[in-house]
Amino acid sequence: MDLVEATILVAGHQKWIDSVTGRYGARLRLLNSKGTRKRDEVLELFEITVDRKLEDRLLRYLRNSPDIAELEITNSSHGRLVGIARAKGVVMRCVADSNCFLVYASNGSSKEITWRVLGTNHSVKDLLSRLKRLKVNFKVSDISEVKRKRALTTRQEWLIRSAYESGYFDYPKRIRIGPLARMLEVAPPTLYESLRKTQKKLLEEHFREGPPSGM
């Protein structure tokens, strides 16, 4: 099955995300997004960087926003917030419902949110169709086939990338196995074992290539 990676620029229609990036001028990265049982809600693992003078105001907004039903801040320091939000968001819900993986989403230096998504030709086309039906203002800036010669399965790569991007491997950890597992909808023991096996697989692949030159 051929995989493609698409870069999509999305403007507006993203509720709390638009407020964070617009009203507070913050840098936002969505590290993962998963659908919930409610059709208009998503679970989003996020990282926000904001002016330290605005950090407390932004936190109050997030905790009181009518668009966020549940919020868990796993790390907050020096203008950097990492957490999980259960939020209203039919646009972000399109990613989950199309069976695409969110590689990341970030506003960078603009008000548009740049999505990078991974999926099959069919699932990416389905995502674009869903956005059109919602009359979302978007444009595809790049779409390309993923040339894969890798030791990991798509799921393994998705799990370990999500763990890496959310700070699970940092010291000290920016997120623990419990919150990460809830975000990814995986039992904590299952996620821990999967990450352990994936790390072992990567190490085996690395050492199979032999020692660095000069040793």
C-alpha atoms as a PDB file:
ATOM      1  CA  MET A   1       0.000   0.000   0.000  1.00  0.00           C
ATOM      2  CA  ASP A   2       1.558   3.317  -1.114  1.00  0.00           C
ATOM      3  CA  LEU A   3       1.865   6.045   1.503  1.00  0.00           C
ATOM      4  CA  VAL A   4       1.789   9.748   0.748  1.00  0.00           C
ATOM      5  CA  GLU A   5       2.641  12.752   2.892  1.00  0.00           C
ATOM      6  CA  ALA A   6       0.702  15.953   2.361  1.00  0.00           C
ATOM      7  CA  THR A   7       1.363  19.489   3.608  1.00  0.00           C
ATOM      8  CA  ILE A   8      -1.875  21.452   3.944  1.00  0.00           C
ATOM      9  CA  LEU A   9      -2.294  25.109   4.933  1.00  0.00           C
ATOM     10  CA  VAL A  10      -5.556  25.659   6.809  1.00  0.00           C
ATOM     11  CA  ALA A  11      -6.967  29.084   7.703  1.00  0.00           C
ATOM     12  CA  GLY A  12      -9.654  29.620  10.328  1.00  0.00           C
ATOM     13  CA  HIS A  13     -12.439  27.286  11.515  1.00  0.00           C
ATOM     14  CA  GLN A  14     -10.275  25.857  14.293  1.00  0.00           C
ATOM     15  CA  LYS A  15     -11.893  27.524  17.328  1.00  0.00           C
ATOM     16  CA  TRP A  16      -9.503  27.609  20.334  1.00  0.00           C
ATOM     17  CA  ILE A  17      -6.494  27.152  18.069  1.00  0.00           C
ATOM     18  CA  ASP A  18      -7.335  30.374  16.212  1.00  0.00           C
ATOM     19  CA  SER A  19      -7.582  32.244  19.532  1.00  0.00           C
ATOM     20  CA  VAL A  20      -4.260  30.920  20.819  1.00  0.00           C
ATOM     21  CA  THR A  21      -2.385  31.833  17.664  1.00  0.00           C
ATOM     22  CA  GLY A  22      -4.271  35.061  16.947  1.00  0.00           C
ATOM     23  CA  ARG A  23      -5.264  36.731  20.227  1.00  0.00           C
ATOM     24  CA  TYR A  24      -2.136  35.656  22.114  1.00  0.00           C
ATOM     25  CA  GLY A  25       0.322  35.540  19.214  1.00  0.00           C
ATOM     26  CA  ALA A  26       1.548  32.140  20.390  1.00  0.00           C
ATOM     27  CA  ARG A  27       3.436  29.443  18.517  1.00  0.00           C
ATOM     28  CA  LEU A  28       1.385  26.252  18.520  1.00  0.00           C
ATOM     29  CA  ARG A  29       2.321  22.698  17.596  1.00  0.00           C
ATOM     30  CA  LEU A  30      -0.235  19.935  17.613  1.00  0.00           C
ATOM     31  CA  LEU A  31       1.681  16.722  18.170  1.00  0.00           C
ATOM     32  CA  ASN A  32      -1.273  14.423  17.716  1.00  0.00           C
ATOM     33  CA  SER A  33      -5.034  14.492  17.244  1.00  0.00           C
ATOM     34  CA  LYS A  34      -7.523  11.697  17.893  1.00  0.00           C
ATOM     35  CA  GLY A  35     -11.293  11.495  17.557  1.00  0.00           C
ATOM     36  CA  THR A  36     -13.525  10.887  20.583  1.00  0.00           C
ATOM     37  CA  ARG A  37     -16.985   9.358  20.855  1.00  0.00           C
ATOM     38  CA  LYS A  38     -18.507  12.778  20.225  1.00  0.00           C
ATOM     39  CA  ARG A  39     -18.516  13.631  16.556  1.00  0.00           C
ATOM     40  CA  ASP A  40     -17.493  17.265  17.064  1.00  0.00           C
ATOM     41  CA  GLU A  41     -14.668  16.629  19.555  1.00  0.00           C
ATOM     42  CA  VAL A  42     -11.011  15.666  19.339  1.00  0.00           C
ATOM     43  CA  LEU A  43      -8.249  14.884  21.807  1.00  0.00           C
ATOM     44  CA  GLU A  44      -5.225  17.003  20.981  1.00  0.00           C
ATOM     45  CA  LEU A  45      -1.703  16.747  22.326  1.00  0.00           C
ATOM     46  CA  PHE A  46      -0.207  20.224  22.041  1.00  0.00           C
ATOM     47  CA  GLU A  47       2.831  22.374  22.728  1.00  0.00           C
ATOM     48  CA  ILE A  48       2.419  26.146  22.991  1.00  0.00           C
ATOM     49  CA  THR A  49       5.177  28.746  23.187  1.00  0.00           C
ATOM     50  CA  VAL A  50       4.011  32.193  24.270  1.00  0.00           C
ATOM     51  CA  ASP A  51       5.469  35.434  25.649  1.00  0.00           C
ATOM     52  CA  ARG A  52       6.067  34.771  29.355  1.00  0.00           C
ATOM     53  CA  LYS A  53       4.090  37.917  30.234  1.00  0.00           C
ATOM     54  CA  LEU A  54       1.019  36.345  28.595  1.00  0.00           C
ATOM     55  CA  GLU A  55       1.451  32.813  29.969  1.00  0.00           C
ATOM     56  CA  ASP A  56      -0.957  33.186  32.913  1.00  0.00           C
ATOM     57  CA  ARG A  57      -3.610  34.878  30.762  1.00  0.00           C
ATOM     58  CA  LEU A  58      -3.317  32.156  28.152  1.00  0.00           C
ATOM     59  CA  LEU A  59      -3.646  29.462  30.810  1.00  0.00           C
ATOM     60  CA  ARG A  60      -6.817  31.113  32.143  1.00  0.00           C
ATOM     61  CA  TYR A  61      -8.211  31.274  28.627  1.00  0.00           C
ATOM     62  CA  LEU A  62      -7.518  27.581  28.001  1.00  0.00           C
ATOM     63  CA  ARG A  63      -9.106  26.565  31.307  1.00  0.00           C
ATOM     64  CA  ASN A  64     -12.225  28.668  30.718  1.00  0.00           C
ATOM     65  CA  SER A  65     -12.679  28.350  26.959  1.00  0.00           C
ATOM     66  CA  PRO A  66     -16.143  27.022  26.018  1.00  0.00           C
ATOM     67  CA  ASP A  67     -14.449  25.122  23.199  1.00  0.00           C
ATOM     68  CA  ILE A  68     -12.329  23.022  25.588  1.00  0.00           C
ATOM     69  CA  ALA A  69     -14.258  20.416  27.582  1.00  0.00           C
ATOM     70  CA  GLU A  70     -11.242  18.988  29.397  1.00  0.00           C
ATOM     71  CA  LEU A  71      -7.670  20.186  29.818  1.00  0.00           C
ATOM     72  CA  GLU A  72      -4.565  18.588  31.322  1.00  0.00           C
ATOM     73  CA  ILE A  73      -1.360  20.621  31.425  1.00  0.00           C
ATOM     74  CA  THR A  74       1.557  18.200  31.806  1.00  0.00           C
ATOM     75  CA  ASN A  75       4.291  20.841  31.783  1.00  0.00           C
ATOM     76  CA  SER A  76       4.259  24.618  32.204  1.00  0.00           C
ATOM     77  CA  SER A  77       7.385  26.761  32.483  1.00  0.00           C
ATOM     78  CA  HIS A  78       9.055  29.816  30.950  1.00  0.00           C
ATOM     79  CA  GLY A  79       6.310  30.502  28.412  1.00  0.00           C
ATOM     80  CA  ARG A  80       6.059  26.901  27.239  1.00  0.00           C
ATOM     81  CA  LEU A  81       2.943  24.802  27.811  1.00  0.00           C
ATOM     82  CA  VAL A  82       2.550  21.108  27.024  1.00  0.00           C
ATOM     83  CA  GLY A  83      -0.757  19.383  27.535  1.00  0.00           C
ATOM     84  CA  ILE A  84      -3.797  17.500  26.311  1.00  0.00           C
ATOM     85  CA  ALA A  85      -7.120  19.103  25.398  1.00  0.00           C
ATOM     86  CA  ARG A  86     -10.482  17.511  24.667  1.00  0.00           C
ATOM     87  CA  ALA A  87     -11.862  20.203  22.454  1.00  0.00           C
ATOM     88  CA  LYS A  88     -14.522  21.031  19.916  1.00  0.00           C
ATOM     89  CA  GLY A  89     -13.058  20.882  16.468  1.00  0.00           C
ATOM     90  CA  VAL A  90     -14.827  19.468  13.432  1.00  0.00           C
ATOM     91  CA  VAL A  91     -11.913  20.527  11.230  1.00  0.00           C
ATOM     92  CA  MET A  92      -9.307  18.603  13.213  1.00  0.00           C
ATOM     93  CA  ARG A  93     -11.807  15.751  13.465  1.00  0.00           C
ATOM     94  CA  CYS A  94     -11.467  15.358   9.697  1.00  0.00           C
ATOM     95  CA  VAL A  95      -7.931  14.032  10.169  1.00  0.00           C
ATOM     96  CA  ALA A  96      -9.030  11.247  12.502  1.00  0.00           C
ATOM     97  CA  ASP A  97     -12.114  10.332  10.477  1.00  0.00           C
ATOM     98  CA  SER A  98     -10.132  10.097   7.236  1.00  0.00           C
ATOM     99  CA  ASN A  99      -7.697   7.574   8.824  1.00  0.00           C
ATOM    100  CA  CYS A 100      -4.750   9.881   8.197  1.00  0.00           C
ATOM    101  CA  PHE A 101      -1.981  10.286  10.774  1.00  0.00           C
ATOM    102  CA  LEU A 102      -1.171  13.801  11.921  1.00  0.00           C
ATOM    103  CA  VAL A 103       2.612  14.085  11.681  1.00  0.00           C
ATOM    104  CA  TYR A 104       2.418  17.590  13.161  1.00  0.00           C
ATOM    105  CA  ALA A 105       0.525  20.843  12.881  1.00  0.00           C
ATOM    106  CA  SER A 106       2.074  24.233  13.562  1.00  0.00           C
ATOM    107  CA  ASN A 107       1.254  27.872  12.965  1.00  0.00           C
ATOM    108  CA  GLY A 108       4.914  28.843  12.503  1.00  0.00           C
ATOM    109  CA  SER A 109       5.047  32.616  12.029  1.00  0.00           C
ATOM    110  CA  SER A 110       1.672  32.923  10.271  1.00  0.00           C
ATOM    111  CA  LYS A 111      -1.975  32.658  11.274  1.00  0.00           C
ATOM    112  CA  GLU A 112      -2.433  29.674   9.012  1.00  0.00           C
ATOM    113  CA  ILE A 113      -1.989  26.245  10.549  1.00  0.00           C
ATOM    114  CA  THR A 114       0.361  24.035   8.563  1.00  0.00           C
ATOM    115  CA  TRP A 115      -0.655  20.377   8.727  1.00  0.00           C
ATOM    116  CA  ARG A 116       1.606  17.519   7.717  1.00  0.00           C
ATOM    117  CA  VAL A 117      -0.405  14.338   7.386  1.00  0.00           C
ATOM    118  CA  LEU A 118       0.520  10.805   6.430  1.00  0.00           C
ATOM    119  CA  GLY A 119      -1.855   8.368   4.798  1.00  0.00           C
ATOM    120  CA  THR A 120      -2.730   6.366   1.748  1.00  0.00           C
ATOM    121  CA  ASN A 121      -3.766   8.052  -1.493  1.00  0.00           C
ATOM    122  CA  HIS A 122      -7.354   7.193  -0.612  1.00  0.00           C
ATOM    123  CA  SER A 123      -7.259   8.537   2.962  1.00  0.00           C
ATOM    124  CA  VAL A 124      -5.572  11.811   1.968  1.00  0.00           C
ATOM    125  CA  LYS A 125      -8.164  12.355  -0.799  1.00  0.00           C
ATOM    126  CA  ASP A 126     -10.867  11.599   1.750  1.00  0.00           C
ATOM    127  CA  LEU A 127      -9.402  14.229   4.112  1.00  0.00           C
ATOM    128  CA  LEU A 128      -9.380  16.881   1.386  1.00  0.00           C
ATOM    129  CA  SER A 129     -12.971  16.017   0.442  1.00  0.00           C
ATOM    130  CA  ARG A 130     -14.084  16.396   4.063  1.00  0.00           C
ATOM    131  CA  LEU A 131     -12.443  19.811   4.302  1.00  0.00           C
ATOM    132  CA  LYS A 132     -14.156  20.909   1.070  1.00  0.00           C
ATOM    133  CA  ARG A 133     -17.545  19.762   2.362  1.00  0.00           C
ATOM    134  CA  LEU A 134     -17.013  21.903   5.472  1.00  0.00           C
ATOM    135  CA  LYS A 135     -16.086  24.844   3.210  1.00  0.00           C
ATOM    136  CA  VAL A 136     -12.745  25.210   4.976  1.00  0.00           C
ATOM    137  CA  ASN A 137     -10.274  27.661   3.471  1.00  0.00           C
ATOM    138  CA  PHE A 138      -7.225  25.513   2.731  1.00  0.00           C
ATOM    139  CA  LYS A 139      -4.605  24.814   0.113  1.00  0.00           C
ATOM    140  CA  VAL A 140      -2.283  21.881  -0.490  1.00  0.00           C
ATOM    141  CA  SER A 141       1.298  23.129  -0.651  1.00  0.00           C
ATOM    142  CA  ASP A 142       2.915  19.733  -1.184  1.00  0.00           C
ATOM    143  CA  ILE A 143       1.978  16.115  -1.634  1.00  0.00           C
ATOM    144  CA  SER A 144       4.466  13.346  -2.323  1.00  0.00           C
ATOM    145  CA  GLU A 145       4.853   9.606  -2.162  1.00  0.00           C
ATOM    146  CA  VAL A 146       6.757   8.330   0.838  1.00  0.00           C
ATOM    147  CA  LYS A 147       9.738   6.266  -0.246  1.00  0.00           C
ATOM    148  CA  ARG A 148      10.105   3.739   2.491  1.00  0.00           C
ATOM    149  CA  LYS A 149      13.061   1.589   3.243  1.00  0.00           C
ATOM    150  CA  ARG A 150      12.658   1.310   6.962  1.00  0.00           C
ATOM    151  CA  ALA A 151      12.731  -1.205   9.762  1.00  0.00           C
ATOM    152  CA  LEU A 152       9.603   0.096  11.482  1.00  0.00           C
ATOM    153  CA  THR A 153       5.976  -0.461  10.639  1.00  0.00           C
ATOM    154  CA  THR A 154       3.793   2.622  10.112  1.00  0.00           C
ATOM    155  CA  ARG A 155       2.207   2.144  13.537  1.00  0.00           C
ATOM    156  CA  GLN A 156       5.567   1.753  15.290  1.00  0.00           C
ATOM    157  CA  GLU A 157       6.874   4.891  13.623  1.00  0.00           C
ATOM    158  CA  TRP A 158       3.709   6.803  14.556  1.00  0.00           C
ATOM    159  CA  LEU A 159       3.932   5.753  18.226  1.00  0.00           C
ATOM    160  CA  ILE A 160       7.618   6.499  18.668  1.00  0.00           C
ATOM    161  CA  ARG A 161       7.351   9.795  16.754  1.00  0.00           C
ATOM    162  CA  SER A 162       4.417  10.839  18.963  1.00  0.00           C
ATOM    163  CA  ALA A 163       6.413   9.921  22.075  1.00  0.00           C
ATOM    164  CA  TYR A 164       9.481  11.797  20.815  1.00  0.00           C
ATOM    165  CA  GLU A 165       7.595  14.917  19.717  1.00  0.00           C
ATOM    166  CA  SER A 166       5.697  15.152  23.027  1.00  0.00           C
ATOM    167  CA  GLY A 167       8.877  14.921  25.121  1.00  0.00           C
ATOM    168  CA  TYR A 168       8.614  11.391  26.499  1.00  0.00           C
ATOM    169  CA  PHE A 169      12.328  10.810  25.844  1.00  0.00           C
ATOM    170  CA  ASP A 170      13.435  14.165  27.271  1.00  0.00           C
ATOM    171  CA  TYR A 171      15.159  14.429  30.653  1.00  0.00           C
ATOM    172  CA  PRO A 172      13.268  15.325  32.691  1.00  0.00           C
ATOM    173  CA  LYS A 173      10.297  13.916  30.793  1.00  0.00           C
ATOM    174  CA  ARG A 174       7.831  16.488  29.477  1.00  0.00           C
ATOM    175  CA  ILE A 175       5.077  13.860  29.505  1.00  0.00           C
ATOM    176  CA  ARG A 176       4.618  10.579  31.344  1.00  0.00           C
ATOM    177  CA  ILE A 177       3.463   7.269  29.897  1.00  0.00           C
ATOM    178  CA  GLY A 178      -0.064   7.638  31.356  1.00  0.00           C
ATOM    179  CA  PRO A 179      -1.070  10.931  29.683  1.00  0.00           C
ATOM    180  CA  LEU A 180       0.677   9.895  26.468  1.00  0.00           C
ATOM    181  CA  ALA A 181      -1.163   6.560  26.415  1.00  0.00           C
ATOM    182  CA  ARG A 182      -4.516   8.299  26.953  1.00  0.00           C
ATOM    183  CA  MET A 183      -3.811  10.636  24.080  1.00  0.00           C
ATOM    184  CA  LEU A 184      -2.875   7.800  21.733  1.00  0.00           C
ATOM    185  CA  GLU A 185      -5.749   5.604  22.986  1.00  0.00           C
ATOM    186  CA  VAL A 186      -3.376   2.784  23.911  1.00  0.00           C
ATOM    187  CA  ALA A 187      -3.161   0.973  27.257  1.00  0.00           C
ATOM    188  CA  PRO A 188      -0.059   2.218  29.162  1.00  0.00           C
ATOM    189  CA  PRO A 189       1.545  -1.272  29.409  1.00  0.00           C
ATOM    190  CA  THR A 190       0.954  -1.825  25.678  1.00  0.00           C
ATOM    191  CA  LEU A 191       2.468   1.537  24.783  1.00  0.00           C
ATOM    192  CA  TYR A 192       5.472   0.994  27.065  1.00  0.00           C
ATOM    193  CA  GLU A 193       6.160  -2.440  25.555  1.00  0.00           C
ATOM    194  CA  SER A 194       5.713  -1.146  22.001  1.00  0.00           C
ATOM    195  CA  LEU A 195       8.165   1.716  22.595  1.00  0.00           C
ATOM    196  CA  ARG A 196      10.665  -0.669  24.179  1.00  0.00           C
ATOM    197  CA  LYS A 197      10.493  -3.066  21.209  1.00  0.00           C
ATOM    198  CA  THR A 198      10.717  -0.196  18.722  1.00  0.00           C
ATOM    199  CA  GLN A 199      13.810   1.216  20.440  1.00  0.00           C
ATOM    200  CA  LYS A 200      15.404  -2.231  20.359  1.00  0.00           C
ATOM    201  CA  LYS A 201      14.595  -2.545  16.660  1.00  0.00           C
ATOM    202  CA  LEU A 202      16.175   0.827  15.912  1.00  0.00           C
ATOM    203  CA  LEU A 203      19.290  -0.082  17.872  1.00  0.00           C
ATOM    204  CA  GLU A 204      19.593  -3.419  16.057  1.00  0.00           C
ATOM    205  CA  GLU A 205      19.285  -1.608  12.726  1.00  0.00           C
ATOM    206  CA  HIS A 206      21.896   0.944  13.801  1.00  0.00           C
ATOM    207  CA  PHE A 207      24.476  -1.572  15.010  1.00  0.00           C
ATOM    208  CA  ARG A 208      23.923  -3.828  11.996  1.00  0.00           C
ATOM    209  CA  GLU A 209      25.524  -1.074   9.913  1.00  0.00           C
ATOM    210  CA  GLY A 210      28.790  -1.611  11.781  1.00  0.00           C
ATOM    211  CA  PRO A 211      30.976   0.743  13.848  1.00  0.00           C
ATOM    212  CA  PRO A 212      31.690   4.316  12.732  1.00  0.00           C
ATOM    213  CA  SER A 213      34.705   4.785  10.513  1.00  0.00           C
ATOM    214  CA  GLY A 214      37.953   5.465  12.363  1.00  0.00           C
ATOM    215  CA  MET A 215      37.216   3.104  15.236  1.00  0.00           C
END
